[in-house]
Amino acid sequence: MANTLNYLCLHPQNTEDTPLPRQIFATKSIDKLIADSERPEHALKKTLGPVSLTALGIGAVIGSGIFTVIGTAIGGNPEKLADWKGSPIIDLILHHGAVAGRPGAGPALAISLVLVAIVCALTGLCYAELSSMIPIAGSAYTYTYATLGELVAWIIGWDLILEYAFSNMSVSVGFAAHIVDLLDWLNIRVDPKWLSPAYLPLGLQDLSGKDIFPPGWHFGFDFPAFVVVLLLTVLLVRGISESARTNNIMVLVKIAAILLFIGFGFSFIHGSNYHPFSPNGFSGVLAGGSIIFFTYIGFDSVSTASEECRNPRRDVPIGIIATLVVCTILYIGVAATLTGLVPWRTIAGDGAPVVNALKRVSLLPGAHRLHFVRLAVLLGALVGMVSSILVFQLGQARVWFAMSRDRLLPDVFSSVHPKFRTPAFATWVAGILVAIPSGLFDVGTFAEMSNIGTLFAFVLVSIGVIVLRYKDPSRHRGFRVPGGPIIPILSTLFCVLLMAGLPAITWLRFFVWLVIGLFVYFFYSRKRSEFAGLDH
């Protein structure tokens, strides 16, 4: 393979007679990946250190998950009728049939978060080893190109586009929902048609349960969701260092808001709310962890920025591990406080559970001071979601940039702004493709699509560590996963287990997306790839 790659570098061709199996399993030399990234027309500005990388990771992880999706993870999605589409795969296997809705973890979400943290720690170690060897934009896509071949790299790149896009659509809609809460706190009235998506599958109700809009389409547009994505796109085009400094400030604000919620909420906890602690057993714990998992893609975002690090072999592993430690502690603190403040069933279906829990408790005698705590937490939640959108948009554009540089996407996606040295075109396209659907559709339920994409990427990264240990054992590793193959194998198994906690319809949609991606690869990308010119 090394001779083939050397031939390719020296004698690029444009024939279409490459044996298919030979091309789809062709891997790209790590040395060539690094060399391509250093070409002046593709070089990115290196400005990030370990503190900024950790802040980027925290900025992504501590966002919509801790303020919005945590309610769904705790309360579940109760349904009266059993439906195979909404049933987790593991329940279909264990119960030999559909179950009614997705079970909530209840107060046992703390255990779910520990499970998720263990999985992320195992996978994070794998990411740290690969990123210390391959400090290139593209994250899991780039790692699989160097280990598992072009076809798997394409699949994971296509998968990353899905997970980043749907993550940000969900976060943007959550941001808009909290803007509505802020306007409510300030007693400012705005026509709801400009604050809600044009398509509402369940309609829109006020606080008293009265319908504002019936289910279906209505004349309107979710402007807060649309505008926040475009503003952050402008910021990302202007430069990574400016984006990182802005993100650092936002991270400090939202951590302060979380600590404020935990500190003040602790004195209003009722022990009876913790009983039963695990109302739906292990099935609920697994489902809760599967739902909340997508927010942990933040440490993946750390590795997507490795090409813009001053010392990636040292700083990226530090950023990944520090992100996991800080975020897990904060998540468990919020989950324990939230489920102690209000009964866990009241959280089901709540788009802003943390803020609304404070609102309910503040109406109790002696709890009036929580009215202003609610405002502080609300502002922190908004800031948290802004930083999540910022980091996810950064990661999405870098994946497109890396795939284009490898000629699997049009060349324009790897063009770099002459002044700001950022992938401007990829950033703008990513911004527009997220902003418009965020204004039109209620896409909060699509967080599960991001979850399965994230877990799938983690599986391939974990396998990639084992493959590179065998294929290139002598290459210098700035960080090495301890314990030989044990940790990568455990990471793979745990990720598959969490994938089993996702509904069957999510698996079906994921397979449809992959089929579309394979169609694009075989009829477009494969013919443009540099490996398409391999000689017999």
Protein backbone atom coordinates (compact mmCIF):
# COMPACT_ATOMS: atom_id res chain seq x y z
CA MET A 1 0.00 0.00 0.00
CA ALA A 2 2.88 2.36 0.77
CA ASN A 3 4.28 1.88 -2.76
CA THR A 4 0.84 2.53 -4.20
CA LEU A 5 0.52 5.77 -2.26
CA ASN A 6 3.99 6.91 -3.32
CA TYR A 7 3.06 6.20 -6.92
CA LEU A 8 -0.17 8.13 -6.49
CA CYS A 9 1.59 11.16 -5.07
CA LEU A 10 4.12 11.23 -7.94
CA HIS A 11 1.84 10.16 -10.82
CA PRO A 12 -1.75 11.30 -10.29
CA GLN A 13 -4.08 9.99 -13.00
CA ASN A 14 -7.73 10.32 -13.89
CA THR A 15 -8.74 6.88 -15.08
CA GLU A 16 -11.96 5.19 -14.11
CA ASP A 17 -10.75 1.58 -14.30
CA THR A 18 -9.61 1.25 -10.68
CA PRO A 19 -10.70 -2.07 -9.20
CA LEU A 20 -13.53 -1.19 -6.84
CA PRO A 21 -12.42 -3.28 -3.82
CA ARG A 22 -8.91 -1.87 -4.12
CA GLN A 23 -10.12 1.71 -3.99
CA ILE A 24 -12.72 1.46 -1.25
CA PHE A 25 -10.22 -0.19 1.13
CA ALA A 26 -7.36 2.17 0.24
CA THR A 27 -6.07 4.09 3.26
CA LYS A 28 -4.36 7.44 3.18
CA SER A 29 -0.86 7.77 4.57
CA ILE A 30 -0.69 9.76 7.80
CA ASP A 31 2.40 11.53 6.46
CA LYS A 32 0.47 12.55 3.34
CA LEU A 33 -2.49 13.76 5.43
CA ILE A 34 -0.16 15.99 7.42
CA ALA A 35 1.65 17.18 4.28
CA ASP A 36 -1.64 18.10 2.58
CA SER A 37 -2.70 20.12 5.61
CA GLU A 38 0.51 22.18 5.44
CA ARG A 39 0.05 23.29 1.84
CA PRO A 40 -0.32 27.12 1.85
CA GLU A 41 -3.67 27.14 0.02
CA HIS A 42 -5.20 24.84 2.66
CA ALA A 43 -3.29 25.79 5.81
CA LEU A 44 -5.36 26.89 8.79
CA LYS A 45 -4.19 29.41 11.40
CA LYS A 46 -2.73 27.75 14.53
CA THR A 47 -3.83 29.74 17.57
CA LEU A 48 -5.43 27.38 20.10
CA GLY A 49 -3.97 26.12 23.38
CA PRO A 50 -5.22 23.61 25.99
CA VAL A 51 -7.43 26.15 27.82
CA SER A 52 -9.21 27.24 24.64
CA LEU A 53 -9.61 23.62 23.53
CA THR A 54 -11.13 22.62 26.86
CA ALA A 55 -13.45 25.63 26.68
CA LEU A 56 -14.50 24.59 23.17
CA GLY A 57 -15.34 21.11 24.46
CA ILE A 58 -17.26 22.43 27.47
CA GLY A 59 -18.99 24.92 25.20
CA ALA A 60 -20.39 22.08 23.11
CA VAL A 61 -21.20 19.60 25.89
CA ILE A 62 -22.77 22.07 28.32
CA GLY A 63 -25.51 23.38 26.09
CA SER A 64 -28.94 22.18 25.09
CA GLY A 65 -28.42 18.83 26.79
CA ILE A 66 -28.14 20.17 30.30
CA PHE A 67 -30.88 22.77 29.85
CA THR A 68 -33.34 21.09 27.46
CA VAL A 69 -32.81 17.44 26.51
CA ILE A 70 -32.20 16.48 30.14
CA GLY A 71 -35.98 16.75 30.65
CA THR A 72 -36.67 14.14 27.98
CA ALA A 73 -33.98 11.87 29.42
CA ILE A 74 -35.53 12.08 32.90
CA GLY A 75 -39.23 11.96 31.97
CA GLY A 76 -39.04 9.83 28.84
CA ASN A 77 -41.65 9.91 26.12
CA PRO A 78 -44.74 8.23 27.57
CA GLU A 79 -47.27 6.83 25.10
CA LYS A 80 -50.50 4.95 25.72
CA LEU A 81 -50.14 2.62 22.75
CA ALA A 82 -47.23 0.30 22.00
CA ASP A 83 -45.46 1.20 18.77
CA TRP A 84 -42.40 -0.54 17.34
CA LYS A 85 -41.14 2.68 15.75
CA GLY A 86 -40.80 4.47 19.07
CA SER A 87 -39.58 1.45 21.03
CA PRO A 88 -35.86 1.18 21.88
CA ILE A 89 -34.13 -1.68 20.06
CA ILE A 90 -33.14 -3.31 23.34
CA ASP A 91 -36.80 -3.43 24.45
CA LEU A 92 -37.85 -4.99 21.14
CA ILE A 93 -35.25 -7.69 21.74
CA LEU A 94 -35.83 -8.28 25.46
CA HIS A 95 -39.63 -8.02 25.40
CA HIS A 96 -40.05 -9.62 21.95
CA GLY A 97 -42.33 -6.79 20.92
CA ALA A 98 -43.07 -3.07 21.06
CA VAL A 99 -43.43 -1.10 24.26
CA ALA A 100 -45.51 1.99 24.95
CA GLY A 101 -43.22 4.94 24.50
CA ARG A 102 -39.63 5.47 25.61
CA PRO A 103 -39.03 4.96 29.35
CA GLY A 104 -37.61 7.80 31.41
CA ALA A 105 -34.62 7.38 33.71
CA GLY A 106 -36.20 9.39 36.52
CA PRO A 107 -33.81 10.35 39.35
CA ALA A 108 -31.59 7.47 38.17
CA LEU A 109 -30.42 9.73 35.33
CA ALA A 110 -27.41 10.29 37.60
CA ILE A 111 -26.53 6.64 36.96
CA SER A 112 -27.16 7.14 33.23
CA LEU A 113 -24.68 10.01 33.27
CA VAL A 114 -22.07 7.88 35.01
CA LEU A 115 -22.55 5.21 32.32
CA VAL A 116 -22.25 7.83 29.59
CA ALA A 117 -19.17 9.30 31.26
CA ILE A 118 -17.50 5.88 31.36
CA VAL A 119 -18.22 5.32 27.67
CA CYS A 120 -17.01 8.80 26.78
CA ALA A 121 -13.88 8.40 28.89
CA LEU A 122 -13.01 5.16 27.11
CA THR A 123 -13.73 6.67 23.70
CA GLY A 124 -12.04 9.93 24.66
CA LEU A 125 -8.81 8.06 25.34
CA CYS A 126 -9.05 6.55 21.85
CA TYR A 127 -9.65 10.00 20.36
CA ALA A 128 -6.68 11.37 22.29
CA GLU A 129 -4.31 8.74 20.88
CA LEU A 130 -5.44 9.23 17.28
CA SER A 131 -5.51 13.03 17.48
CA SER A 132 -1.97 13.05 18.93
CA MET A 133 -0.85 11.03 15.88
CA ILE A 134 -3.02 12.73 13.24
CA PRO A 135 -3.45 16.41 14.19
CA ILE A 136 -5.67 17.13 11.17
CA ALA A 137 -9.09 18.73 10.78
CA GLY A 138 -11.88 16.23 10.22
CA SER A 139 -11.80 14.24 13.46
CA ALA A 140 -13.27 10.73 13.13
CA TYR A 141 -13.46 11.09 9.32
CA THR A 142 -9.73 11.70 9.02
CA TYR A 143 -8.85 8.94 11.50
CA THR A 144 -10.88 6.34 9.61
CA TYR A 145 -9.36 7.42 6.28
CA ALA A 146 -5.94 6.59 7.73
CA THR A 147 -7.04 3.29 9.27
CA LEU A 148 -10.11 1.67 7.71
CA GLY A 149 -10.13 2.89 4.11
CA GLU A 150 -11.84 5.39 1.83
CA LEU A 151 -15.34 3.92 1.86
CA VAL A 152 -15.54 3.77 5.66
CA ALA A 153 -14.06 7.27 5.83
CA TRP A 154 -16.78 8.52 3.48
CA ILE A 155 -19.49 6.82 5.55
CA ILE A 156 -18.23 8.39 8.77
CA GLY A 157 -17.83 11.82 7.12
CA TRP A 158 -21.39 11.59 5.81
CA ASP A 159 -22.44 10.49 9.29
CA LEU A 160 -20.68 13.45 10.94
CA ILE A 161 -22.48 15.87 8.62
CA LEU A 162 -25.76 14.37 9.82
CA GLU A 163 -24.97 14.48 13.53
CA TYR A 164 -23.60 18.03 13.54
CA ALA A 165 -26.46 19.41 11.46
CA PHE A 166 -29.26 17.83 13.49
CA SER A 167 -27.52 18.66 16.76
CA ASN A 168 -27.48 22.31 15.86
CA MET A 169 -31.04 22.33 14.58
CA SER A 170 -32.13 20.92 17.94
CA VAL A 171 -30.00 23.38 19.88
CA SER A 172 -31.26 26.32 17.82
CA VAL A 173 -34.89 25.41 18.46
CA GLY A 174 -34.09 25.03 22.17
CA PHE A 175 -32.46 28.47 22.13
CA ALA A 176 -35.60 29.98 20.66
CA ALA A 177 -37.76 28.28 23.31
CA HIS A 178 -35.66 29.90 26.03
CA ILE A 179 -35.95 33.29 24.30
CA VAL A 180 -39.72 32.89 24.72
CA ASP A 181 -39.16 32.22 28.44
CA LEU A 182 -37.00 35.32 28.72
CA LEU A 183 -39.64 37.48 27.07
CA ASP A 184 -42.20 35.99 29.46
CA TRP A 185 -40.03 36.92 32.47
CA LEU A 186 -39.71 40.48 31.12
CA ASN A 187 -43.47 40.65 30.38
CA ILE A 188 -42.74 41.45 26.75
CA ARG A 189 -45.37 40.26 24.28
CA VAL A 190 -44.33 39.28 20.76
CA ASP A 191 -46.49 37.62 18.12
CA PRO A 192 -45.79 33.88 18.62
CA LYS A 193 -45.74 33.24 14.87
CA TRP A 194 -42.30 34.91 14.76
CA LEU A 195 -41.03 32.87 17.71
CA SER A 196 -42.11 29.38 16.66
CA PRO A 197 -41.37 27.09 13.69
CA ALA A 198 -43.70 27.15 10.71
CA TYR A 199 -44.39 23.45 11.16
CA LEU A 200 -45.62 22.30 14.58
CA PRO A 201 -46.54 18.60 14.63
CA LEU A 202 -48.14 18.94 18.08
CA GLY A 203 -49.31 22.52 17.71
CA LEU A 204 -48.44 25.27 20.20
CA GLN A 205 -50.11 25.87 23.56
CA ASP A 206 -49.84 28.65 26.12
CA LEU A 207 -49.09 28.07 29.82
CA SER A 208 -52.75 27.34 30.53
CA GLY A 209 -52.87 24.66 27.83
CA LYS A 210 -54.92 26.72 25.38
CA ASP A 211 -54.05 26.21 21.71
CA ILE A 212 -52.19 29.06 20.03
CA PHE A 213 -51.61 27.13 16.80
CA PRO A 214 -53.17 23.79 15.80
CA PRO A 215 -50.93 20.91 14.72
CA GLY A 216 -49.42 21.25 11.27
CA TRP A 217 -48.25 24.23 9.21
CA HIS A 218 -48.95 27.85 10.06
CA PHE A 219 -47.73 31.19 8.75
CA GLY A 220 -44.64 31.98 10.78
CA PHE A 221 -40.91 31.56 11.19
CA ASP A 222 -38.66 30.89 14.20
CA PHE A 223 -36.53 34.02 13.86
CA PRO A 224 -34.45 33.61 17.07
CA ALA A 225 -33.28 30.17 15.89
CA PHE A 226 -32.51 31.46 12.39
CA VAL A 227 -30.72 34.65 13.45
CA VAL A 228 -28.47 33.08 16.10
CA VAL A 229 -27.06 30.57 13.60
CA LEU A 230 -26.31 33.24 11.00
CA LEU A 231 -24.66 35.57 13.51
CA LEU A 232 -22.39 32.80 14.74
CA THR A 233 -21.60 31.84 11.15
CA VAL A 234 -20.28 35.37 10.57
CA LEU A 235 -18.16 35.06 13.72
CA LEU A 236 -16.71 31.71 12.60
CA VAL A 237 -15.84 33.08 9.15
CA ARG A 238 -13.90 35.94 10.73
CA GLY A 239 -11.52 33.66 12.60
CA ILE A 240 -11.00 30.79 15.00
CA SER A 241 -9.15 32.88 17.58
CA GLU A 242 -12.01 35.40 17.75
CA SER A 243 -14.49 32.53 18.04
CA ALA A 244 -12.44 30.85 20.78
CA ARG A 245 -12.19 34.03 22.86
CA THR A 246 -15.94 34.58 22.59
CA ASN A 247 -16.56 30.96 23.54
CA ASN A 248 -14.27 31.21 26.60
CA ILE A 249 -16.40 34.04 28.00
CA MET A 250 -19.65 32.21 27.30
CA VAL A 251 -18.37 29.05 29.01
CA LEU A 252 -17.57 30.98 32.19
CA VAL A 253 -21.06 32.55 32.19
CA LYS A 254 -22.95 29.28 31.81
CA ILE A 255 -20.83 27.42 34.37
CA ALA A 256 -21.64 30.22 36.83
CA ALA A 257 -25.36 29.84 36.00
CA ILE A 258 -25.23 26.07 36.56
CA LEU A 259 -23.48 26.47 39.91
CA LEU A 260 -26.08 29.08 40.86
CA PHE A 261 -28.90 26.65 40.03
CA ILE A 262 -27.30 23.85 42.05
CA GLY A 263 -26.45 26.14 44.97
CA PHE A 264 -29.88 27.74 45.36
CA GLY A 265 -31.88 24.71 44.29
CA PHE A 266 -30.22 22.44 46.83
CA SER A 267 -32.08 24.03 49.75
CA PHE A 268 -35.48 23.35 48.09
CA ILE A 269 -34.92 19.65 47.39
CA HIS A 270 -37.57 17.23 48.70
CA GLY A 271 -36.28 13.74 49.41
CA SER A 272 -39.63 12.21 48.45
CA ASN A 273 -39.00 13.20 44.83
CA TYR A 274 -36.18 10.64 44.70
CA HIS A 275 -38.61 7.76 45.29
CA PRO A 276 -38.71 5.62 43.28
CA PHE A 277 -35.12 6.31 42.31
CA SER A 278 -35.15 4.13 39.18
CA PRO A 279 -38.83 3.91 38.15
CA ASN A 280 -38.15 2.07 34.87
CA GLY A 281 -35.17 -0.03 35.88
CA PHE A 282 -32.17 -0.56 33.63
CA SER A 283 -34.24 0.06 30.49
CA GLY A 284 -34.94 3.61 31.70
CA VAL A 285 -31.31 4.16 32.71
CA LEU A 286 -30.11 3.03 29.27
CA ALA A 287 -32.73 5.07 27.40
CA GLY A 288 -31.87 8.17 29.44
CA GLY A 289 -28.19 7.77 28.71
CA SER A 290 -28.87 7.23 25.00
CA ILE A 291 -30.92 10.45 24.80
CA ILE A 292 -28.46 12.65 26.67
CA PHE A 293 -25.45 11.21 24.85
CA PHE A 294 -25.51 13.52 21.85
CA THR A 295 -24.36 16.49 23.92
CA TYR A 296 -21.09 14.69 24.67
CA ILE A 297 -20.03 15.13 21.07
CA GLY A 298 -18.25 18.18 22.48
CA PHE A 299 -14.99 16.31 22.94
CA ASP A 300 -15.25 15.22 19.30
CA SER A 301 -15.35 18.94 18.48
CA VAL A 302 -12.05 19.32 20.35
CA SER A 303 -10.39 16.94 17.91
CA THR A 304 -11.93 18.67 14.87
CA ALA A 305 -9.98 21.81 15.85
CA SER A 306 -6.66 19.95 16.29
CA GLU A 307 -5.24 21.38 13.05
CA GLU A 308 -5.59 24.86 14.54
CA CYS A 309 -3.67 23.97 17.74
CA ARG A 310 -0.21 25.22 18.53
CA ASN A 311 0.83 21.89 20.06
CA PRO A 312 -1.87 19.32 19.15
CA ARG A 313 0.02 16.23 20.39
CA ARG A 314 -0.09 17.61 23.93
CA ASP A 315 -3.07 19.96 23.97
CA VAL A 316 -5.77 17.83 22.30
CA PRO A 317 -5.57 14.94 24.82
CA ILE A 318 -5.63 17.48 27.67
CA GLY A 319 -8.66 19.23 26.16
CA ILE A 320 -10.60 15.99 25.67
CA ILE A 321 -10.02 14.55 29.15
CA ALA A 322 -10.58 17.90 30.92
CA THR A 323 -13.84 18.41 29.01
CA LEU A 324 -15.17 15.02 30.10
CA VAL A 325 -14.28 15.49 33.77
CA VAL A 326 -15.77 18.99 34.13
CA CYS A 327 -18.94 18.26 32.15
CA THR A 328 -19.76 14.98 33.90
CA ILE A 329 -19.56 16.62 37.34
CA LEU A 330 -21.82 19.49 36.23
CA TYR A 331 -24.35 17.17 34.56
CA ILE A 332 -24.71 14.94 37.61
CA GLY A 333 -25.13 18.02 39.83
CA VAL A 334 -27.91 19.42 37.65
CA ALA A 335 -29.69 16.05 37.32
CA ALA A 336 -29.63 15.44 41.08
CA THR A 337 -30.89 18.96 41.85
CA LEU A 338 -33.58 18.97 39.17
CA THR A 339 -35.10 15.62 40.14
CA GLY A 340 -35.05 16.69 43.79
CA LEU A 341 -36.87 19.96 43.11
CA VAL A 342 -39.87 18.57 41.22
CA PRO A 343 -41.39 15.10 40.62
CA TRP A 344 -39.64 13.46 37.70
CA ARG A 345 -42.88 12.80 35.77
CA THR A 346 -43.63 16.55 35.54
CA ILE A 347 -40.47 17.02 33.49
CA ALA A 348 -41.56 14.81 30.58
CA GLY A 349 -42.01 16.83 27.39
CA ASP A 350 -40.68 20.05 28.96
CA GLY A 351 -38.52 22.03 26.54
CA ALA A 352 -36.96 24.11 29.34
CA PRO A 353 -37.07 21.86 32.42
CA VAL A 354 -34.40 23.62 34.49
CA VAL A 355 -35.88 27.09 34.08
CA ASN A 356 -39.48 25.91 34.47
CA ALA A 357 -38.63 23.90 37.60
CA LEU A 358 -37.33 27.11 39.16
CA LYS A 359 -40.48 28.90 38.04
CA ARG A 360 -42.73 26.33 39.72
CA VAL A 361 -40.73 26.28 42.95
CA SER A 362 -40.49 30.08 43.08
CA LEU A 363 -44.29 30.24 43.49
CA LEU A 364 -44.06 28.35 46.80
CA PRO A 365 -44.00 30.24 50.13
CA GLY A 366 -40.52 31.51 50.99
CA ALA A 367 -39.10 30.78 47.55
CA HIS A 368 -39.61 34.19 45.94
CA ARG A 369 -35.84 34.73 45.66
CA LEU A 370 -35.75 31.99 43.03
CA HIS A 371 -37.54 34.39 40.69
CA PHE A 372 -34.23 36.18 40.06
CA VAL A 373 -32.24 32.96 40.17
CA ARG A 374 -34.50 31.81 37.33
CA LEU A 375 -33.47 34.86 35.30
CA ALA A 376 -29.77 34.20 35.90
CA VAL A 377 -30.10 30.54 34.96
CA LEU A 378 -32.18 31.47 31.92
CA LEU A 379 -29.47 33.83 30.70
CA GLY A 380 -26.86 31.17 31.37
CA ALA A 381 -28.90 28.65 29.39
CA LEU A 382 -29.10 31.03 26.43
CA VAL A 383 -25.37 31.64 26.56
CA GLY A 384 -24.79 27.90 26.85
CA MET A 385 -26.78 27.17 23.74
CA VAL A 386 -25.03 29.91 21.79
CA SER A 387 -21.65 28.37 22.61
CA SER A 388 -22.95 24.90 21.64
CA ILE A 389 -24.07 26.19 18.25
CA LEU A 390 -20.72 27.94 17.83
CA VAL A 391 -18.68 24.79 18.45
CA PHE A 392 -20.94 22.45 16.46
CA GLN A 393 -20.90 24.79 13.47
CA LEU A 394 -17.11 24.97 13.71
CA GLY A 395 -16.89 21.18 13.74
CA GLN A 396 -19.31 20.70 10.85
CA ALA A 397 -17.44 23.11 8.57
CA ARG A 398 -14.10 21.41 9.38
CA VAL A 399 -15.48 18.00 8.39
CA TRP A 400 -16.69 19.37 5.04
CA PHE A 401 -13.32 21.10 4.63
CA ALA A 402 -11.39 17.87 5.23
CA MET A 403 -13.59 15.80 2.88
CA SER A 404 -13.21 18.40 0.15
CA ARG A 405 -9.44 18.49 0.58
CA ASP A 406 -9.47 14.74 -0.03
CA ARG A 407 -11.54 15.37 -3.21
CA LEU A 408 -14.62 13.54 -1.91
CA LEU A 409 -16.61 16.80 -1.99
CA PRO A 410 -16.34 19.72 -4.45
CA ASP A 411 -13.08 21.69 -4.19
CA VAL A 412 -14.83 24.89 -3.18
CA PHE A 413 -15.52 23.47 0.29
CA SER A 414 -11.76 23.39 1.02
CA SER A 415 -11.13 26.97 -0.11
CA VAL A 416 -9.65 29.14 2.64
CA HIS A 417 -10.48 32.83 3.13
CA PRO A 418 -7.42 34.85 2.02
CA LYS A 419 -7.57 37.16 5.04
CA PHE A 420 -9.09 35.19 7.91
CA ARG A 421 -7.58 31.78 6.94
CA THR A 422 -10.83 29.96 7.72
CA PRO A 423 -12.88 27.59 5.50
CA ALA A 424 -15.30 30.40 4.67
CA PHE A 425 -17.42 28.72 1.99
CA ALA A 426 -17.92 25.53 4.01
CA THR A 427 -18.80 27.64 7.05
CA TRP A 428 -21.41 29.67 5.16
CA VAL A 429 -23.03 26.63 3.58
CA ALA A 430 -23.16 24.84 6.93
CA GLY A 431 -24.71 27.94 8.51
CA ILE A 432 -27.42 28.39 5.88
CA LEU A 433 -28.33 24.68 5.81
CA VAL A 434 -28.83 24.73 9.59
CA ALA A 435 -30.42 28.18 9.93
CA ILE A 436 -33.28 27.77 7.44
CA PRO A 437 -34.63 24.40 8.72
CA SER A 438 -34.29 25.72 12.29
CA GLY A 439 -36.74 28.48 11.44
CA LEU A 440 -39.19 26.20 9.65
CA PHE A 441 -39.31 22.92 11.53
CA ASP A 442 -39.69 21.66 15.06
CA VAL A 443 -36.63 19.42 15.03
CA GLY A 444 -36.07 18.81 18.72
CA THR A 445 -36.95 15.14 18.33
CA PHE A 446 -34.11 14.73 15.85
CA ALA A 447 -31.57 14.78 18.68
CA GLU A 448 -31.79 11.00 18.48
CA MET A 449 -30.49 11.12 14.90
CA SER A 450 -27.43 12.94 16.19
CA ASN A 451 -27.03 10.37 18.97
CA ILE A 452 -26.84 7.36 16.69
CA GLY A 453 -24.43 9.19 14.40
CA THR A 454 -22.18 10.11 17.32
CA LEU A 455 -22.13 6.57 18.71
CA PHE A 456 -21.42 5.12 15.27
CA ALA A 457 -18.46 7.48 14.88
CA PHE A 458 -17.17 6.49 18.31
CA VAL A 459 -17.29 2.80 17.37
CA LEU A 460 -15.16 3.37 14.26
CA VAL A 461 -12.66 5.57 16.12
CA SER A 462 -12.21 2.87 18.78
CA ILE A 463 -11.63 0.24 16.11
CA GLY A 464 -9.21 2.61 14.37
CA VAL A 465 -6.92 2.63 17.42
CA ILE A 466 -6.58 -1.16 17.26
CA VAL A 467 -5.97 -1.10 13.49
CA LEU A 468 -3.21 1.54 13.72
CA ARG A 469 -1.54 -0.33 16.58
CA TYR A 470 -1.20 -3.25 14.15
CA LYS A 471 -0.44 -1.32 10.94
CA ASP A 472 1.89 1.39 12.28
CA PRO A 473 3.18 0.35 15.71
CA SER A 474 6.40 2.37 15.50
CA ARG A 475 4.81 5.77 14.81
CA HIS A 476 5.26 8.28 17.63
CA ARG A 477 2.15 8.75 19.76
CA GLY A 478 1.97 11.89 21.88
CA PHE A 479 -0.58 10.00 23.97
CA ARG A 480 -1.11 6.23 24.18
CA VAL A 481 -4.25 4.48 25.46
CA PRO A 482 -3.16 2.25 28.37
CA GLY A 483 -4.05 -1.43 28.64
CA GLY A 484 -3.47 -2.50 25.06
CA PRO A 485 -6.68 -3.29 23.11
CA ILE A 486 -8.88 -3.62 26.22
CA ILE A 487 -10.09 0.01 26.38
CA PRO A 488 -10.87 0.31 22.61
CA ILE A 489 -12.81 -2.97 22.76
CA LEU A 490 -14.79 -1.87 25.84
CA SER A 491 -15.48 1.50 24.18
CA THR A 492 -16.89 -0.28 21.13
CA LEU A 493 -19.12 -2.59 23.18
CA PHE A 494 -20.51 0.19 25.39
CA CYS A 495 -21.27 2.40 22.38
CA VAL A 496 -23.20 -0.44 20.73
CA LEU A 497 -25.11 -0.93 24.00
CA LEU A 498 -26.13 2.73 24.09
CA MET A 499 -27.16 2.55 20.43
CA ALA A 500 -29.50 -0.27 21.45
CA GLY A 501 -31.29 2.21 23.73
CA LEU A 502 -32.41 4.32 20.75
CA PRO A 503 -35.82 3.83 19.05
CA ALA A 504 -36.19 1.58 16.02
CA ILE A 505 -37.33 4.52 13.84
CA THR A 506 -34.02 6.26 14.56
CA TRP A 507 -32.12 3.23 13.27
CA LEU A 508 -34.31 3.16 10.17
CA ARG A 509 -33.72 6.86 9.41
CA PHE A 510 -30.00 6.40 9.99
CA PHE A 511 -29.82 3.55 7.48
CA VAL A 512 -31.74 5.64 4.92
CA TRP A 513 -29.22 8.47 5.37
CA LEU A 514 -26.32 6.04 4.90
CA VAL A 515 -27.89 4.64 1.71
CA ILE A 516 -28.15 8.18 0.31
CA GLY A 517 -24.50 8.72 1.23
CA LEU A 518 -23.42 5.53 -0.51
CA PHE A 519 -25.28 6.64 -3.64
CA VAL A 520 -23.36 9.96 -3.61
CA TYR A 521 -20.06 8.17 -3.05
CA PHE A 522 -20.36 5.59 -5.82
CA PHE A 523 -21.75 8.01 -8.43
CA TYR A 524 -19.72 11.13 -7.57
CA SER A 525 -17.06 11.07 -4.86
CA ARG A 526 -15.40 7.78 -5.88
CA LYS A 527 -14.74 9.14 -9.37
CA ARG A 528 -13.18 12.37 -8.00
CA SER A 529 -11.08 10.69 -5.32
CA GLU A 530 -7.30 10.73 -5.76
CA PHE A 531 -7.43 6.94 -5.34
CA ALA A 532 -9.52 6.71 -8.51
CA GLY A 533 -6.25 7.06 -10.42
CA LEU A 534 -4.57 3.99 -8.94
CA ASP A 535 -2.80 1.90 -11.54
CA HIS A 536 -3.52 -1.82 -11.85
